[in-house]
Protein backbone atom coordinates (compact mmCIF):
# COMPACT_ATOMS: atom_id res chain seq x y z
CA MET A 1 -0.11 0.15 0.03
CA ILE A 2 2.78 2.04 0.97
CA LYS A 3 4.03 2.11 -2.90
CA ARG A 4 0.80 2.35 -4.04
CA PHE A 5 0.58 5.87 -2.29
CA ILE A 6 3.57 6.94 -3.31
CA PHE A 7 2.44 6.06 -6.90
CA LEU A 8 -0.88 8.03 -6.38
CA LEU A 9 0.67 11.13 -5.19
CA TRP A 10 3.56 11.24 -7.41
CA GLY A 11 1.21 10.81 -10.59
CA LEU A 12 -1.02 13.47 -9.37
CA PHE A 13 1.45 15.94 -8.81
CA LEU A 14 3.02 15.45 -12.12
CA PHE A 15 -0.93 15.77 -13.30
CA ALA A 16 -1.14 18.94 -11.58
CA PHE A 17 1.88 20.22 -12.94
CA GLY A 18 1.14 19.01 -16.78
CA ILE A 19 -2.62 21.07 -16.13
CA VAL A 20 -0.71 24.37 -15.15
CA MET A 21 1.66 24.21 -18.16
CA THR A 22 -1.18 23.79 -20.24
CA ILE A 23 -2.82 26.74 -18.48
CA LYS A 24 0.60 28.30 -19.05
CA SER A 25 0.99 27.95 -22.61
CA ASN A 26 -1.92 30.43 -23.21
CA LEU A 27 -3.08 28.52 -26.20
CA GLY A 28 -6.53 27.05 -24.77
CA THR A 29 -6.85 24.78 -21.60
CA SER A 30 -8.53 21.74 -21.59
CA PRO A 31 -12.70 21.71 -20.99
CA TRP A 32 -12.91 21.19 -17.39
CA ASP A 33 -10.02 23.61 -16.71
CA ALA A 34 -11.50 26.07 -19.23
CA LEU A 35 -14.95 25.74 -16.59
CA HIS A 36 -12.49 26.12 -13.66
CA ILE A 37 -10.58 29.44 -14.89
CA GLY A 38 -14.27 30.81 -16.15
CA LEU A 39 -15.38 30.13 -12.43
CA ILE A 40 -12.82 31.63 -10.73
CA ARG A 41 -14.31 34.73 -12.19
CA TYR A 42 -17.00 34.42 -9.90
CA LEU A 43 -16.04 33.08 -6.90
CA PRO A 44 -13.63 33.67 -4.66
CA LEU A 45 -11.33 30.81 -4.57
CA THR A 46 -8.16 29.89 -6.01
CA LEU A 47 -8.21 27.85 -9.43
CA GLY A 48 -7.43 24.90 -7.28
CA GLN A 49 -10.19 25.26 -4.67
CA VAL A 50 -12.25 25.79 -7.76
CA SER A 51 -11.12 22.17 -8.82
CA GLN A 52 -11.61 20.70 -6.02
CA LEU A 53 -15.15 21.91 -5.44
CA THR A 54 -15.95 20.77 -8.89
CA GLY A 55 -14.68 17.59 -8.10
CA VAL A 56 -16.68 16.99 -5.24
CA ILE A 57 -19.93 17.88 -7.36
CA VAL A 58 -18.84 15.51 -9.92
CA ILE A 59 -17.85 12.51 -7.16
CA VAL A 60 -21.59 12.87 -5.90
CA ILE A 61 -23.32 12.65 -9.31
CA SER A 62 -21.13 9.50 -10.35
CA TYR A 63 -21.94 8.20 -6.57
CA PHE A 64 -25.96 8.40 -7.89
CA LEU A 65 -24.84 7.02 -11.33
CA GLY A 66 -23.53 3.80 -9.60
CA MET A 67 -19.69 4.68 -9.56
CA LYS A 68 -18.27 4.42 -6.22
CA PRO A 69 -15.55 5.92 -5.08
CA GLY A 70 -11.94 5.18 -4.55
CA TRP A 71 -9.39 6.32 -2.23
CA GLY A 72 -7.66 7.33 -4.94
CA THR A 73 -11.03 9.31 -6.85
CA ILE A 74 -10.70 11.30 -3.31
CA ALA A 75 -7.42 12.11 -3.30
CA ASN A 76 -7.37 12.91 -7.20
CA MET A 77 -9.97 15.66 -6.31
CA TYR A 78 -8.29 16.96 -3.16
CA PHE A 79 -4.12 16.85 -4.33
CA ILE A 80 -4.64 18.26 -7.71
CA GLY A 81 -5.77 21.25 -7.10
CA LEU A 82 -3.67 21.26 -4.02
CA PHE A 83 -0.29 20.62 -6.25
CA MET A 84 -1.94 23.39 -8.36
CA ASP A 85 -1.72 26.16 -5.84
CA VAL A 86 1.06 25.11 -4.62
CA ILE A 87 3.10 25.08 -8.61
CA ILE A 88 1.10 28.41 -9.15
CA ASP A 89 1.56 30.48 -5.77
CA ASN A 90 4.97 29.08 -5.86
CA LYS A 91 5.81 30.16 -10.09
CA TRP A 92 7.41 26.87 -10.43
CA ILE A 93 6.66 27.30 -14.15
CA PRO A 94 7.38 30.53 -15.47
CA ASP A 95 5.33 32.65 -18.15
CA PRO A 96 6.36 31.52 -22.17
CA ILE A 97 7.60 34.86 -23.90
CA HIS A 98 7.49 33.39 -27.64
CA TRP A 99 4.66 31.26 -29.24
CA VAL A 100 7.42 28.58 -29.59
CA PHE A 101 7.73 28.29 -25.86
CA GLN A 102 4.08 28.74 -25.84
CA GLY A 103 3.52 25.36 -28.06
CA GLY A 104 6.56 23.60 -26.28
CA PHE A 105 5.00 24.33 -22.66
CA LEU A 106 1.36 23.05 -24.43
CA LEU A 107 2.87 19.85 -25.48
CA ALA A 108 5.05 19.02 -22.45
CA GLY A 109 2.29 19.46 -20.02
CA ILE A 110 0.18 17.12 -22.30
CA LEU A 111 3.11 14.30 -21.80
CA ILE A 112 3.62 15.16 -18.09
CA ILE A 113 -0.49 14.60 -17.69
CA GLY A 114 0.31 11.25 -19.87
CA TRP A 115 2.65 9.78 -17.19
CA GLY A 116 0.64 11.37 -14.49
CA SER A 117 -2.25 9.48 -15.32
CA PHE A 118 -0.22 6.24 -15.49
CA PHE A 119 1.17 6.29 -12.30
CA TYR A 120 -2.09 7.49 -10.32
CA LEU A 121 -3.81 5.11 -12.53
CA SER A 122 -1.66 2.42 -11.78
CA ALA A 123 -2.21 2.46 -8.10
CA ALA A 124 -5.02 1.18 -8.73
CA LEU A 125 -7.15 2.91 -6.12
CA GLY A 126 -9.83 4.50 -8.17
CA ALA A 127 -10.38 6.45 -11.44
CA GLY A 128 -10.15 10.29 -11.03
CA PRO A 129 -13.69 12.19 -10.29
CA ARG A 130 -14.33 13.04 -14.02
CA ASP A 131 -13.15 9.57 -15.65
CA SER A 132 -16.23 8.14 -12.91
CA PHE A 133 -18.77 10.47 -14.22
CA MET A 134 -17.66 9.37 -17.88
CA VAL A 135 -18.16 5.65 -16.73
CA GLY A 136 -20.99 6.68 -14.92
CA ALA A 137 -22.70 8.19 -17.58
CA VAL A 138 -21.90 5.21 -20.44
CA THR A 139 -23.31 2.64 -17.66
CA LYS A 140 -26.67 4.58 -17.15
CA THR A 141 -27.37 5.75 -20.70
CA GLY A 142 -25.90 2.72 -22.48
CA TYR A 143 -24.61 4.68 -25.20
CA PRO A 144 -20.56 4.55 -26.49
CA VAL A 145 -17.87 5.59 -24.77
CA TRP A 146 -16.93 8.16 -27.37
CA LYS A 147 -20.52 9.65 -27.58
CA VAL A 148 -20.72 10.18 -24.24
CA ARG A 149 -17.31 11.81 -23.86
CA THR A 150 -17.87 14.27 -26.67
CA VAL A 151 -20.94 15.40 -25.28
CA ILE A 152 -19.45 15.78 -21.83
CA GLU A 153 -16.59 17.49 -22.78
CA SER A 154 -18.46 19.55 -25.73
CA SER A 155 -20.80 20.74 -22.84
CA ILE A 156 -18.19 21.93 -20.42
CA ALA A 157 -16.62 23.26 -22.84
CA ILE A 158 -19.43 25.28 -24.11
CA LEU A 159 -19.79 25.92 -20.80
CA GLY A 160 -16.31 27.34 -19.76
CA TYR A 161 -16.43 29.35 -22.81
CA PHE A 162 -19.55 31.43 -22.08
CA LEU A 163 -17.94 31.58 -18.05
CA GLY A 164 -15.31 33.78 -19.71
CA GLY A 165 -12.49 30.55 -20.06
CA PRO A 166 -9.76 29.98 -22.43
CA ILE A 167 -11.24 27.87 -25.13
CA GLY A 168 -8.40 28.25 -28.17
CA ILE A 169 -6.17 25.80 -30.22
CA GLY A 170 -4.66 24.13 -27.52
CA THR A 171 -8.33 23.20 -25.94
CA ILE A 172 -8.39 21.02 -29.76
CA ILE A 173 -5.04 19.62 -29.81
CA ILE A 174 -5.63 18.57 -25.86
CA ALA A 175 -8.75 16.93 -27.23
CA LEU A 176 -6.59 14.71 -29.51
CA THR A 177 -3.81 14.05 -28.23
CA LEU A 178 -4.40 13.99 -23.91
CA GLY A 179 -5.70 9.61 -24.58
CA PRO A 180 -2.70 9.20 -27.05
CA SER A 181 -0.27 10.76 -24.00
CA VAL A 182 -1.75 8.29 -21.83
CA GLN A 183 -1.57 5.52 -24.05
CA TRP A 184 2.00 6.03 -24.86
CA ALA A 185 2.82 6.51 -21.29
CA PHE A 186 0.83 2.99 -20.38
CA SER A 187 2.38 1.06 -23.61
CA LEU A 188 6.10 2.24 -22.49
CA MET A 189 5.80 0.47 -19.33
CA GLY A 190 4.14 -2.29 -20.71
CA LYS A 191 1.27 -2.42 -19.04
CA LYS A 192 -2.76 -1.71 -19.85
CA ALA A 193 -5.45 0.67 -18.41
CA GLN A 194 -7.98 -1.41 -18.62
CA GLU A 195 -6.31 -4.28 -17.08
CA ILE A 196 -6.43 -2.64 -14.08
CA GLU A 197 -8.40 -3.88 -10.95
CA HIS A 198 -9.22 -0.71 -8.78
CA ASP A 199 -10.13 -0.76 -5.28
CA SER A 200 -13.33 1.09 -4.42
CA LEU A 201 -13.89 3.59 -1.20
CA THR A 202 -16.45 0.71 0.15
CA ILE A 203 -14.36 -2.34 -0.75
CA ARG A 204 -11.25 -0.81 0.59
CA LEU A 205 -13.60 0.00 4.25
CA GLU A 206 -14.97 -3.22 4.57
CA GLN A 207 -11.58 -5.50 4.60
């Protein structure tokens, strides 16, 4: 369990670092991050705190869709937001001053998120709140994953846009490359994400 928690926290830190890099690129963020950035315009909260709040809401919705949260789900909700605020407050990532560096930040962020996903998913302590929400929606509706994910991501992107979130070319690039980035990390390590059996919070508490 110690090794699994180390994998989990390291993965969540990398995930948060990658997110901040994509935000710093100023080319557009993922739909969920666009929503979070849009919301901080209206709420007296930090970016990390908004991410945590959104995560709580998504976990609750996912639970009613039949998805039991794991320790990793709760940790994902809390620590990614915490790490994002630490990284931003301490200015660990500078603002790029040229479009070449902006593009580099975006692509590097996507790769780092891919590796972060590998580590936290390999801990097998539960998927993130938003992934659980997607799986729950697929289970309830019976629609294929790509349709459900497209509807969710598109809806969040539209909402983020109207709240003033940064939707741009980077949003499209992230949508097209994030999945392959995660798959690439798993392939290099000789693992498959779909073969990981996650512990739910309920199962772990009952043991």
